Each structure stands twice: as C-alpha cells, then as structure tokens.
C-alpha atoms as a PDB file:
ATOM      1  CA  MET A   1     -60.579   7.988 -58.092  1.00  0.00           C
ATOM      2  CA  LYS A   2     -62.608   5.533 -55.857  1.00  0.00           C
ATOM      3  CA  THR A   3     -60.005   2.383 -56.664  1.00  0.00           C
ATOM      4  CA  ILE A   4     -56.918   4.134 -56.404  1.00  0.00           C
ATOM      5  CA  LYS A   5     -58.057   5.483 -53.008  1.00  0.00           C
ATOM      6  CA  CYS A   6     -59.042   2.109 -52.130  1.00  0.00           C
ATOM      7  CA  MET A   7     -55.596   0.631 -52.903  1.00  0.00           C
ATOM      8  CA  MET A   8     -53.818   3.526 -51.344  1.00  0.00           C
ATOM      9  CA  ASP A   9     -55.847   2.547 -48.412  1.00  0.00           C
ATOM     10  CA  HIS A  10     -54.650  -0.887 -48.898  1.00  0.00           C
ATOM     11  CA  LEU A  11     -51.110   0.389 -49.131  1.00  0.00           C
ATOM     12  CA  TYR A  12     -51.558   2.020 -46.138  1.00  0.00           C
ATOM     13  CA  TRP A  13     -52.854  -0.877 -43.865  1.00  0.00           C
ATOM     14  CA  ALA A  14     -50.259  -3.129 -45.857  1.00  0.00           C
ATOM     15  CA  ASP A  15     -46.947  -1.097 -44.749  1.00  0.00           C
ATOM     16  CA  GLY A  16     -48.794  -1.128 -41.414  1.00  0.00           C
ATOM     17  CA  ARG A  17     -48.828  -4.638 -40.970  1.00  0.00           C
ATOM     18  CA  ILE A  18     -45.206  -5.469 -42.481  1.00  0.00           C
ATOM     19  CA  LEU A  19     -44.189  -3.033 -39.395  1.00  0.00           C
ATOM     20  CA  ASP A  20     -46.122  -4.671 -37.107  1.00  0.00           C
ATOM     21  CA  ALA A  21     -44.532  -8.537 -38.004  1.00  0.00           C
ATOM     22  CA  LEU A  22     -41.075  -6.762 -37.854  1.00  0.00           C
ATOM     23  CA  GLU A  23     -41.736  -5.474 -34.550  1.00  0.00           C
ATOM     24  CA  LYS A  24     -43.225  -8.986 -33.611  1.00  0.00           C
ATOM     25  CA  ASN A  25     -40.561 -11.095 -34.985  1.00  0.00           C
ATOM     26  CA  GLU A  26     -37.692  -8.551 -33.104  1.00  0.00           C
ATOM     27  CA  THR A  27     -36.403  -8.602 -36.708  1.00  0.00           C
ATOM     28  CA  LYS A  28     -32.495  -7.646 -36.274  1.00  0.00           C
ATOM     29  CA  ASN A  29     -31.673  -8.473 -40.282  1.00  0.00           C
ATOM     30  CA  LYS A  30     -30.112  -5.265 -41.637  1.00  0.00           C
ATOM     31  CA  ASP A  31     -31.265  -6.335 -45.055  1.00  0.00           C
ATOM     32  CA  LEU A  32     -35.037  -6.485 -44.027  1.00  0.00           C
ATOM     33  CA  LEU A  33     -35.106  -3.171 -41.936  1.00  0.00           C
ATOM     34  CA  MET A  34     -33.006  -1.644 -45.383  1.00  0.00           C
ATOM     35  CA  LEU A  35     -36.086  -2.917 -47.177  1.00  0.00           C
ATOM     36  CA  VAL A  36     -38.772  -2.063 -45.021  1.00  0.00           C
ATOM     37  CA  ARG A  37     -36.530   1.535 -45.102  1.00  0.00           C
ATOM     38  CA  HIS A  38     -36.417   1.410 -48.925  1.00  0.00           C
ATOM     39  CA  ILE A  39     -40.179   1.012 -49.376  1.00  0.00           C
ATOM     40  CA  ALA A  40     -40.855   4.308 -47.299  1.00  0.00           C
ATOM     41  CA  VAL A  41     -38.368   6.100 -49.016  1.00  0.00           C
ATOM     42  CA  ALA A  42     -39.746   5.438 -52.160  1.00  0.00           C
ATOM     43  CA  GLU A  43     -43.208   6.590 -51.489  1.00  0.00           C
ATOM     44  CA  GLN A  44     -41.365   9.868 -50.425  1.00  0.00           C
ATOM     45  CA  VAL A  45     -39.346   9.848 -53.674  1.00  0.00           C
ATOM     46  CA  TRP A  46     -42.662   9.131 -55.770  1.00  0.00           C
ATOM     47  CA  LEU A  47     -44.813  11.979 -54.002  1.00  0.00           C
ATOM     48  CA  SER A  48     -42.100  14.648 -54.031  1.00  0.00           C
ATOM     49  CA  ARG A  49     -42.039  13.908 -57.670  1.00  0.00           C
ATOM     50  CA  LEU A  50     -45.873  14.118 -58.279  1.00  0.00           C
ATOM     51  CA  GLN A  51     -45.909  17.493 -56.366  1.00  0.00           C
ATOM     52  CA  GLY A  52     -43.514  18.816 -58.867  1.00  0.00           C
ATOM     53  CA  LYS A  53     -40.698  18.732 -56.754  1.00  0.00           C
ATOM     54  CA  GLY A  54     -37.237  17.153 -57.097  1.00  0.00           C
ATOM     55  CA  SER A  55     -36.001  13.767 -55.328  1.00  0.00           C
ATOM     56  CA  PRO A  56     -32.308  13.899 -55.137  1.00  0.00           C
ATOM     57  CA  GLN A  57     -32.192  14.735 -51.440  1.00  0.00           C
ATOM     58  CA  TYR A  58     -33.605  11.071 -50.902  1.00  0.00           C
ATOM     59  CA  SER A  59     -30.920   8.254 -50.174  1.00  0.00           C
ATOM     60  CA  LEU A  60     -33.167   4.670 -51.383  1.00  0.00           C
ATOM     61  CA  TRP A  61     -30.676   2.289 -50.022  1.00  0.00           C
ATOM     62  CA  GLU A  62     -29.587   3.196 -46.501  1.00  0.00           C
ATOM     63  CA  GLU A  63     -29.420   0.750 -43.684  1.00  0.00           C
ATOM     64  CA  ALA A  64     -31.867   1.521 -40.803  1.00  0.00           C
ATOM     65  CA  ALA A  65     -31.877   0.114 -37.168  1.00  0.00           C
ATOM     66  CA  ASP A  66     -34.845   1.815 -36.115  1.00  0.00           C
ATOM     67  CA  LEU A  67     -38.225   0.848 -36.979  1.00  0.00           C
ATOM     68  CA  THR A  68     -39.521   3.815 -34.936  1.00  0.00           C
ATOM     69  CA  ALA A  69     -37.950   5.953 -37.402  1.00  0.00           C
ATOM     70  CA  ILE A  70     -39.348   3.974 -40.202  1.00  0.00           C
ATOM     71  CA  ARG A  71     -42.971   3.374 -39.023  1.00  0.00           C
ATOM     72  CA  THR A  72     -42.643   7.537 -38.384  1.00  0.00           C
ATOM     73  CA  MET A  73     -41.906   7.697 -42.355  1.00  0.00           C
ATOM     74  CA  PHE A  74     -45.111   5.416 -43.078  1.00  0.00           C
ATOM     75  CA  GLU A  75     -47.173   7.587 -40.834  1.00  0.00           C
ATOM     76  CA  GLU A  76     -46.257  10.787 -42.473  1.00  0.00           C
ATOM     77  CA  ASN A  77     -46.357   9.478 -46.012  1.00  0.00           C
ATOM     78  CA  ALA A  78     -49.770   7.833 -45.393  1.00  0.00           C
ATOM     79  CA  GLU A  79     -51.025  11.579 -44.336  1.00  0.00           C
ATOM     80  CA  ARG A  80     -49.486  13.062 -47.551  1.00  0.00           C
ATOM     81  CA  TYR A  81     -50.951  11.086 -49.922  1.00  0.00           C
ATOM     82  CA  ARG A  82     -54.035  11.399 -48.225  1.00  0.00           C
ATOM     83  CA  VAL A  83     -53.864  15.289 -48.798  1.00  0.00           C
ATOM     84  CA  TYR A  84     -52.280  14.722 -52.057  1.00  0.00           C
ATOM     85  CA  ILE A  85     -54.874  12.151 -53.440  1.00  0.00           C
ATOM     86  CA  GLU A  86     -57.866  14.356 -51.997  1.00  0.00           C
ATOM     87  CA  GLY A  87     -56.998  17.298 -54.116  1.00  0.00           C
ATOM     88  CA  LEU A  88     -57.079  14.881 -57.588  1.00  0.00           C
ATOM     89  CA  GLN A  89     -59.963  14.742 -59.814  1.00  0.00           C
ATOM     90  CA  GLU A  90     -60.034  11.851 -62.193  1.00  0.00           C
ATOM     91  CA  SER A  91     -58.886  14.033 -65.031  1.00  0.00           C
ATOM     92  CA  ASP A  92     -55.941  14.916 -62.863  1.00  0.00           C
ATOM     93  CA  LEU A  93     -54.627  11.264 -63.352  1.00  0.00           C
ATOM     94  CA  ASP A  94     -54.007  11.128 -66.978  1.00  0.00           C
ATOM     95  CA  GLY A  95     -51.941  14.572 -66.444  1.00  0.00           C
ATOM     96  CA  MET A  96     -47.869  13.878 -67.158  1.00  0.00           C
ATOM     97  CA  ILE A  97     -45.542  14.253 -64.282  1.00  0.00           C
ATOM     98  CA  ASP A  98     -41.912  15.721 -65.741  1.00  0.00           C
ATOM     99  CA  TYR A  99     -39.412  14.317 -63.405  1.00  0.00           C
ATOM    100  CA  GLU A 100     -35.892  12.998 -63.014  1.00  0.00           C
ATOM    101  CA  ASN A 101     -35.130   9.775 -61.476  1.00  0.00           C
ATOM    102  CA  GLN A 102     -32.180   9.340 -58.708  1.00  0.00           C
ATOM    103  CA  SER A 103     -29.533   8.857 -61.478  1.00  0.00           C
ATOM    104  CA  GLY A 104     -30.726  12.409 -62.980  1.00  0.00           C
ATOM    105  CA  LEU A 105     -32.510  10.568 -65.931  1.00  0.00           C
ATOM    106  CA  PRO A 106     -35.114  12.638 -67.374  1.00  0.00           C
ATOM    107  CA  PHE A 107     -38.814  10.943 -67.139  1.00  0.00           C
ATOM    108  CA  ARG A 108     -42.388  12.248 -68.263  1.00  0.00           C
ATOM    109  CA  THR A 109     -45.104   9.960 -66.454  1.00  0.00           C
ATOM    110  CA  SER A 110     -48.758  10.182 -65.765  1.00  0.00           C
ATOM    111  CA  VAL A 111     -50.096  10.635 -62.140  1.00  0.00           C
ATOM    112  CA  ARG A 112     -52.182   7.283 -62.786  1.00  0.00           C
ATOM    113  CA  ASP A 113     -48.945   5.290 -63.082  1.00  0.00           C
ATOM    114  CA  ILE A 114     -46.797   6.958 -60.939  1.00  0.00           C
ATOM    115  CA  LEU A 115     -49.320   5.765 -58.107  1.00  0.00           C
ATOM    116  CA  SER A 116     -49.672   2.276 -59.625  1.00  0.00           C
ATOM    117  CA  GLN A 117     -45.578   2.158 -59.728  1.00  0.00           C
ATOM    118  CA  VAL A 118     -46.115   3.099 -55.694  1.00  0.00           C
ATOM    119  CA  LEU A 119     -48.843   0.333 -54.913  1.00  0.00           C
ATOM    120  CA  LEU A 120     -47.027  -2.505 -57.155  1.00  0.00           C
ATOM    121  CA  HIS A 121     -43.701  -1.550 -55.997  1.00  0.00           C
ATOM    122  CA  GLY A 122     -44.325  -1.646 -52.182  1.00  0.00           C
ATOM    123  CA  GLN A 123     -46.303  -4.898 -52.533  1.00  0.00           C
ATOM    124  CA  TYR A 124     -43.531  -6.279 -54.395  1.00  0.00           C
ATOM    125  CA  HIS A 125     -40.881  -5.250 -51.598  1.00  0.00           C
ATOM    126  CA  ARG A 126     -43.358  -6.804 -48.742  1.00  0.00           C
ATOM    127  CA  GLY A 127     -43.730 -10.165 -50.195  1.00  0.00           C
ATOM    128  CA  GLN A 128     -39.933 -10.307 -49.958  1.00  0.00           C
ATOM    129  CA  ILE A 129     -39.942  -9.407 -46.440  1.00  0.00           C
ATOM    130  CA  ASN A 130     -42.468 -12.256 -46.375  1.00  0.00           C
ATOM    131  CA  ARG A 131     -40.402 -14.845 -47.943  1.00  0.00           C
ATOM    132  CA  ALA A 132     -37.244 -13.905 -45.327  1.00  0.00           C
ATOM    133  CA  PHE A 133     -39.788 -14.527 -42.750  1.00  0.00           C
ATOM    134  CA  ARG A 134     -40.256 -17.849 -43.816  1.00  0.00           C
ATOM    135  CA  LEU A 135     -36.719 -18.690 -44.446  1.00  0.00           C
ATOM    136  CA  GLU A 136     -36.092 -17.340 -40.675  1.00  0.00           C
ATOM    137  CA  SER A 137     -38.847 -19.715 -39.555  1.00  0.00           C
ATOM    138  CA  ALA A 138     -41.082 -16.833 -38.887  1.00  0.00           C
ATOM    139  CA  GLU A 139     -44.843 -16.381 -39.428  1.00  0.00           C
ATOM    140  CA  PRO A 140     -45.204 -14.396 -42.341  1.00  0.00           C
ATOM    141  CA  VAL A 141     -48.258 -11.448 -42.264  1.00  0.00           C
ATOM    142  CA  GLN A 142     -51.215 -11.446 -44.734  1.00  0.00           C
ATOM    143  CA  VAL A 143     -51.151  -8.508 -46.682  1.00  0.00           C
ATOM    144  CA  ASP A 144     -53.014  -9.208 -49.497  1.00  0.00           C
ATOM    145  CA  TYR A 145     -55.694  -6.785 -51.079  1.00  0.00           C
ATOM    146  CA  ILE A 146     -58.419  -9.536 -50.693  1.00  0.00           C
ATOM    147  CA  THR A 147     -57.585  -9.893 -47.222  1.00  0.00           C
ATOM    148  CA  PHE A 148     -57.738  -5.756 -46.345  1.00  0.00           C
ATOM    149  CA  THR A 149     -61.268  -5.828 -48.835  1.00  0.00           C
ATOM    150  CA  ARG A 150     -63.013  -8.649 -45.917  1.00  0.00           C
ATOM    151  CA  LEU A 151     -61.917  -6.458 -43.229  1.00  0.00           C
END
C-alpha cells in the first residue's frame, strides 16, 4: 500500500503542476484543454468503477475552455481517491472489479491494475501536453516521479 499511496501522491502533484503550467502559458489550445480534461474525467471514470458504480455518465472527450473547472475536478478527484485508498487493505488490491467500459463491453480487472492504469494513463497524457508545450516554444513542466520524490 505504501507504494500505491506514494504513486497517487505523485499523481495529485503532477496533475497540479500540469494545470499550473497550462495557466502560466495562458493556453488557449483547445486540444490541450481537451486532453487535460480527459485526464481528470478518466480519473473519475476509474474511481466510479472501483466503487462499483457505472461510468456511462462520463464523457471522456469533450471540449473545455475553463481551467478553473478542470482544476476543481482534479481537486475533487484527489480527495475522493484519498478516501478510497485509505479504506483499502493490501489484500484488497488483488480484489477483482467487474465493470463495463464506455462502449458497454464487460471487463474484470484487479484493483491493483486499475490503480496502475490511473497512474500511468495520466502520466502518458501529461507527457503529450509537455511535448505540445515544446512545439509551441513554451517551457515544459517537470512531472517526473523522481522529481516528486526529491521534494
């Protein structure tokens, strides 16, 4: 559990850093705004599944213009994940979750693998956002795990 908790703390930190960079760069790029919103919504989708709820109410790919609303989503996600993870025992990580994806296809995945997906998915897309910053001649933001551990 210690590793999962630390990795989740990195996720909350990295989400905040990428939002700060988007604000600092005064990003108006609709694709980047959609991408950062996608990260936040995907976190919501997976938590809903972990909690045994459905996820069809979530739209993973929508345009977004308001970083304040997206930041609120990330803050709420962090609080909900903290509560969820505090309620887990090490043995719960191997428990299986039955859910349907956004297309309605059924799947069964362990809690451990779902949490790993949340962690890796966000990092992948934060890398895409940083690459776009470079292409726009903006400074990418450091979101590497090792940077987080050095704080």
